[in-house]
Protein backbone atom coordinates (compact mmCIF):
# COMPACT_ATOMS: atom_id res chain seq x y z
CA MET A 1 -0.91 -13.00 -2.09
CA SER A 2 -0.86 -14.39 -5.59
CA GLN A 3 -3.99 -13.98 -7.67
CA GLN A 4 -5.00 -14.70 -11.22
CA LYS A 5 -5.98 -11.63 -13.21
CA SER A 6 -9.03 -13.51 -14.47
CA GLU A 7 -10.42 -13.50 -10.92
CA TYR A 8 -11.10 -9.76 -11.01
CA ALA A 9 -10.52 -8.41 -14.54
CA ASP A 10 -14.12 -8.88 -15.63
CA ASP A 11 -15.27 -6.49 -12.90
CA ALA A 12 -13.05 -3.63 -14.09
CA ASP A 13 -14.12 -1.08 -16.70
CA ILE A 14 -10.98 -0.22 -18.67
CA ASP A 15 -10.05 1.71 -21.81
CA GLN A 16 -9.13 -1.12 -24.16
CA SER A 17 -7.51 1.28 -26.63
CA LEU A 18 -4.73 1.83 -24.08
CA ASP A 19 -4.09 -1.89 -23.59
CA GLU A 20 -3.26 -3.20 -27.05
CA LEU A 21 -0.19 -5.10 -28.22
CA ALA A 22 2.35 -2.74 -29.72
CA SER A 23 3.60 -3.22 -33.29
CA GLU A 24 7.22 -4.09 -34.00
CA GLU A 25 7.78 -0.57 -35.34
CA THR A 26 6.38 0.90 -32.13
CA ILE A 27 8.52 -1.43 -29.99
CA GLU A 28 11.66 -0.46 -31.90
CA GLN A 29 10.99 3.26 -31.51
CA THR A 30 10.17 2.85 -27.83
CA VAL A 31 13.39 0.94 -27.21
CA GLU A 32 15.39 3.60 -29.03
CA ASN A 33 13.86 6.38 -26.92
CA LEU A 34 14.15 4.51 -23.64
CA GLU A 35 17.83 3.86 -24.32
CA ALA A 36 18.32 7.52 -25.25
CA ASN A 37 16.88 8.36 -21.82
CA GLY A 38 19.42 6.16 -20.07
CA PHE A 39 17.46 2.93 -19.57
CA ASP A 40 18.87 -0.44 -20.58
CA VAL A 41 16.29 -2.43 -22.55
CA ILE A 42 15.91 -6.14 -23.24
CA VAL A 43 13.17 -7.34 -25.59
CA VAL A 44 12.04 -10.98 -25.42
CA ASP A 45 9.35 -13.03 -27.12
CA SER A 46 7.79 -14.91 -24.23
CA THR A 47 7.32 -15.22 -20.48
CA ASP A 48 9.80 -18.12 -20.41
CA ASP A 49 12.40 -15.96 -22.14
CA ALA A 50 11.76 -13.15 -19.66
CA LEU A 51 12.31 -15.44 -16.67
CA ALA A 52 15.52 -16.76 -18.21
CA GLU A 53 16.78 -13.19 -18.72
CA LEU A 54 16.13 -12.34 -15.07
CA GLN A 55 17.88 -15.50 -13.92
CA SER A 56 20.98 -14.55 -15.89
CA LEU A 57 20.82 -10.84 -15.08
CA ILE A 58 20.89 -11.09 -11.28
CA PRO A 59 24.27 -12.19 -9.89
CA THR A 60 24.84 -14.85 -7.24
CA GLU A 61 24.44 -13.71 -3.62
CA ALA A 62 22.59 -10.50 -4.57
CA SER A 63 19.80 -9.40 -2.27
CA VAL A 64 16.57 -9.44 -4.26
CA MET A 65 13.24 -7.76 -3.54
CA ASN A 66 10.13 -7.32 -5.64
CA GLY A 67 7.12 -5.07 -5.44
CA HIS A 68 3.73 -6.52 -6.21
CA SER A 69 3.51 -7.17 -9.94
CA THR A 70 1.00 -9.28 -11.81
CA THR A 71 3.54 -9.49 -14.64
CA LEU A 72 6.21 -10.95 -12.34
CA GLU A 73 3.66 -13.53 -11.22
CA GLU A 74 2.68 -14.33 -14.81
CA ILE A 75 6.27 -15.00 -15.90
CA GLY A 76 6.90 -17.21 -12.87
CA PHE A 77 9.45 -14.99 -11.14
CA VAL A 78 7.60 -14.61 -7.83
CA GLU A 79 7.32 -18.37 -7.44
CA TYR A 80 10.94 -18.86 -8.53
CA LEU A 81 12.21 -16.33 -5.99
CA SER A 82 10.23 -17.93 -3.18
CA ASP A 83 11.10 -21.53 -4.07
CA GLY A 84 14.74 -20.84 -3.43
CA ASP A 85 16.25 -22.66 -6.44
CA HIS A 86 18.87 -19.93 -6.76
CA GLU A 87 21.73 -18.41 -4.78
CA TRP A 88 20.17 -15.01 -4.14
CA GLU A 89 19.05 -13.56 -0.80
CA SER A 90 15.25 -13.52 -1.06
CA LEU A 91 14.12 -10.51 0.95
CA PRO A 92 10.36 -11.18 0.60
CA ASP A 93 10.75 -14.53 2.33
CA GLU A 94 12.76 -12.93 5.12
CA ILE A 95 10.20 -10.14 5.54
CA TRP A 96 7.12 -12.33 5.71
CA SER A 97 8.75 -14.65 8.22
CA ILE A 98 8.79 -11.78 10.76
CA ASP A 99 5.88 -11.98 13.22
CA ASP A 100 6.20 -8.54 14.81
CA ASP A 101 4.34 -5.91 12.76
CA ALA A 102 6.74 -3.05 13.50
CA GLU A 103 9.81 -5.16 12.75
CA ARG A 104 8.25 -6.40 9.53
CA GLN A 105 7.44 -2.85 8.41
CA ALA A 106 11.01 -1.77 9.18
CA ALA A 107 12.33 -4.69 7.13
CA ARG A 108 10.03 -3.71 4.24
CA ARG A 109 11.47 -0.20 4.29
CA LYS A 110 15.01 -1.52 4.39
CA SER A 111 14.29 -3.82 1.45
CA GLN A 112 13.90 -0.78 -0.80
CA THR A 113 17.70 -0.64 -0.83
CA ALA A 114 18.07 -4.18 -2.20
CA ASP A 115 20.85 -4.98 -4.63
CA TYR A 116 18.13 -5.79 -7.18
CA PHE A 117 14.56 -4.55 -6.91
CA LEU A 118 12.11 -5.91 -9.47
CA GLY A 119 8.65 -4.73 -10.34
CA GLY A 120 6.18 -3.73 -12.99
CA ILE A 121 5.10 -0.46 -14.53
CA ASN A 122 1.71 1.00 -15.45
CA GLY A 123 2.56 2.83 -18.64
CA ILE A 124 5.44 3.21 -21.08
CA SER A 125 5.41 6.08 -23.54
CA GLN A 126 6.76 5.57 -27.01
CA THR A 127 8.75 8.75 -26.32
CA GLY A 128 10.71 6.94 -23.59
CA GLU A 129 9.12 7.68 -20.20
CA LEU A 130 7.83 5.27 -17.55
CA VAL A 131 4.76 5.85 -15.37
CA ALA A 132 3.79 3.99 -12.19
CA ALA A 133 1.71 4.55 -9.07
CA ASP A 134 1.04 2.98 -5.70
CA ARG A 135 -1.30 3.23 -2.77
CA SER A 136 1.45 2.88 -0.17
CA GLY A 137 4.62 3.47 -2.18
CA SER A 138 6.10 0.06 -1.30
CA ARG A 139 6.27 -0.94 -4.98
CA ILE A 140 7.68 2.23 -6.50
CA GLY A 141 9.71 3.55 -3.57
CA ALA A 142 12.86 1.81 -4.74
CA TYR A 143 12.65 2.89 -8.36
CA PRO A 144 13.99 6.47 -8.27
CA PHE A 145 17.06 6.00 -6.07
CA ALA A 146 17.00 3.53 -3.17
CA ALA A 147 17.76 0.22 -4.88
CA SER A 148 21.20 -0.39 -6.35
CA ASN A 149 19.65 -1.94 -9.47
CA VAL A 150 16.07 -1.78 -10.73
CA VAL A 151 14.54 -4.24 -13.20
CA ILE A 152 11.14 -3.35 -14.62
CA VAL A 153 9.28 -6.10 -16.45
CA SER A 154 6.40 -5.30 -18.79
CA GLY A 155 4.28 -6.64 -21.58
CA VAL A 156 4.30 -4.51 -24.72
CA ASN A 157 0.59 -3.83 -24.19
CA LYS A 158 1.67 -1.06 -21.81
CA ILE A 159 3.32 0.96 -24.58
CA VAL A 160 1.29 4.01 -25.60
CA PRO A 161 2.21 6.96 -27.85
CA THR A 162 2.88 9.79 -25.38
CA LEU A 163 3.51 10.54 -21.71
CA GLU A 164 -0.03 11.94 -21.49
CA ASP A 165 -1.33 8.63 -22.84
CA ALA A 166 0.75 6.76 -20.25
CA LEU A 167 -0.84 8.85 -17.49
CA ASP A 168 -4.26 8.14 -18.98
CA ARG A 169 -3.43 4.44 -19.04
CA LEU A 170 -2.58 4.58 -15.34
CA GLU A 171 -5.99 6.11 -14.59
CA ASN A 172 -8.12 4.12 -17.02
CA VAL A 173 -6.47 0.69 -17.26
CA ALA A 174 -4.10 0.00 -14.38
CA TYR A 175 -6.08 1.63 -11.58
CA PRO A 176 -9.45 -0.03 -12.27
CA LEU A 177 -7.77 -3.44 -12.42
CA GLU A 178 -5.63 -2.86 -9.33
CA ASN A 179 -8.65 -1.56 -7.45
CA GLU A 180 -10.55 -4.78 -8.10
CA ARG A 181 -7.50 -6.82 -7.09
CA ALA A 182 -7.06 -4.84 -3.87
CA LYS A 183 -10.71 -5.33 -2.90
CA GLU A 184 -10.37 -9.06 -3.56
CA ALA A 185 -7.00 -9.42 -1.80
CA TYR A 186 -7.19 -6.93 1.05
CA GLY A 187 -10.83 -5.91 1.33
CA VAL A 188 -10.06 -2.23 0.67
CA ASP A 189 -10.08 0.10 -2.31
CA SER A 190 -6.77 0.97 -3.92
CA ALA A 191 -5.73 4.55 -4.69
CA ILE A 192 -3.36 6.43 -6.95
CA ALA A 193 -1.86 7.96 -3.83
CA LYS A 194 1.78 8.09 -4.91
CA GLN A 195 2.65 8.60 -8.55
CA LEU A 196 6.00 8.36 -10.29
CA ILE A 197 7.25 9.48 -13.69
CA LEU A 198 10.69 8.25 -14.73
CA ARG A 199 11.86 10.52 -17.54
CA GLN A 200 15.54 9.56 -17.45
CA GLU A 201 17.97 7.24 -15.70
CA LEU A 202 21.18 9.15 -15.08
CA GLU A 203 23.14 6.29 -13.48
CA GLU A 204 24.61 4.05 -16.15
CA ASP A 205 23.41 0.42 -16.12
CA ARG A 206 21.17 0.93 -13.07
CA THR A 207 17.66 0.49 -14.52
CA THR A 208 16.77 -2.25 -16.98
CA VAL A 209 13.42 -2.55 -18.74
CA VAL A 210 12.50 -6.04 -19.92
CA LEU A 211 9.83 -5.84 -22.62
CA ILE A 212 7.88 -8.99 -23.46
CA ARG A 213 6.06 -9.36 -26.76
CA GLU A 214 2.93 -10.55 -24.96
CA HIS A 215 -0.15 -9.09 -23.31
CA LEU A 216 0.73 -9.16 -19.62
CA GLY A 217 -0.20 -7.45 -16.38
CA TYR A 218 -1.92 -4.12 -16.20
């Protein structure tokens, strides 16, 4: 279900100090530290540039899955993947065409091993770590190991000084916003039930972080 952030953001009480656009100096240091920790990093100026990078990054005939991400919606990737104007295998479309609940859940689990799994992140430390959380784990389950390639897309507003700040951002920015979205979309509260910290990527060229010089997602 696609939603506009404006539909629920006003109802969330967030720490604005953890949701500010990063300076160029901060972006440069963050990129340096992420790369030192084994992540590939691409920095772009706009949502259009980000979508173009994803289109060129993912090879023809790759199986592609995404976890829920407001940022992926904002840059137009979710719509692009569903519209089918590409030569990828769109796993979300295959999954949601399954009527049987058990079969659909099995397909969702299998999709974690996609050739390319795309999603967002809840906090990026200037020291080079990534923080994310989920209620079910369907968004972050692929990140540590399952997917062959992971592409994380984020606005630079998610960059904060330290890992502790990134964890605070998860609690005090991302969760309040996601909770309001979940109540609007599903009629239930969200939860930080499953939490992930990516400190390093040890497999060369596996995880790419696309940073956008805009205020996006949460």
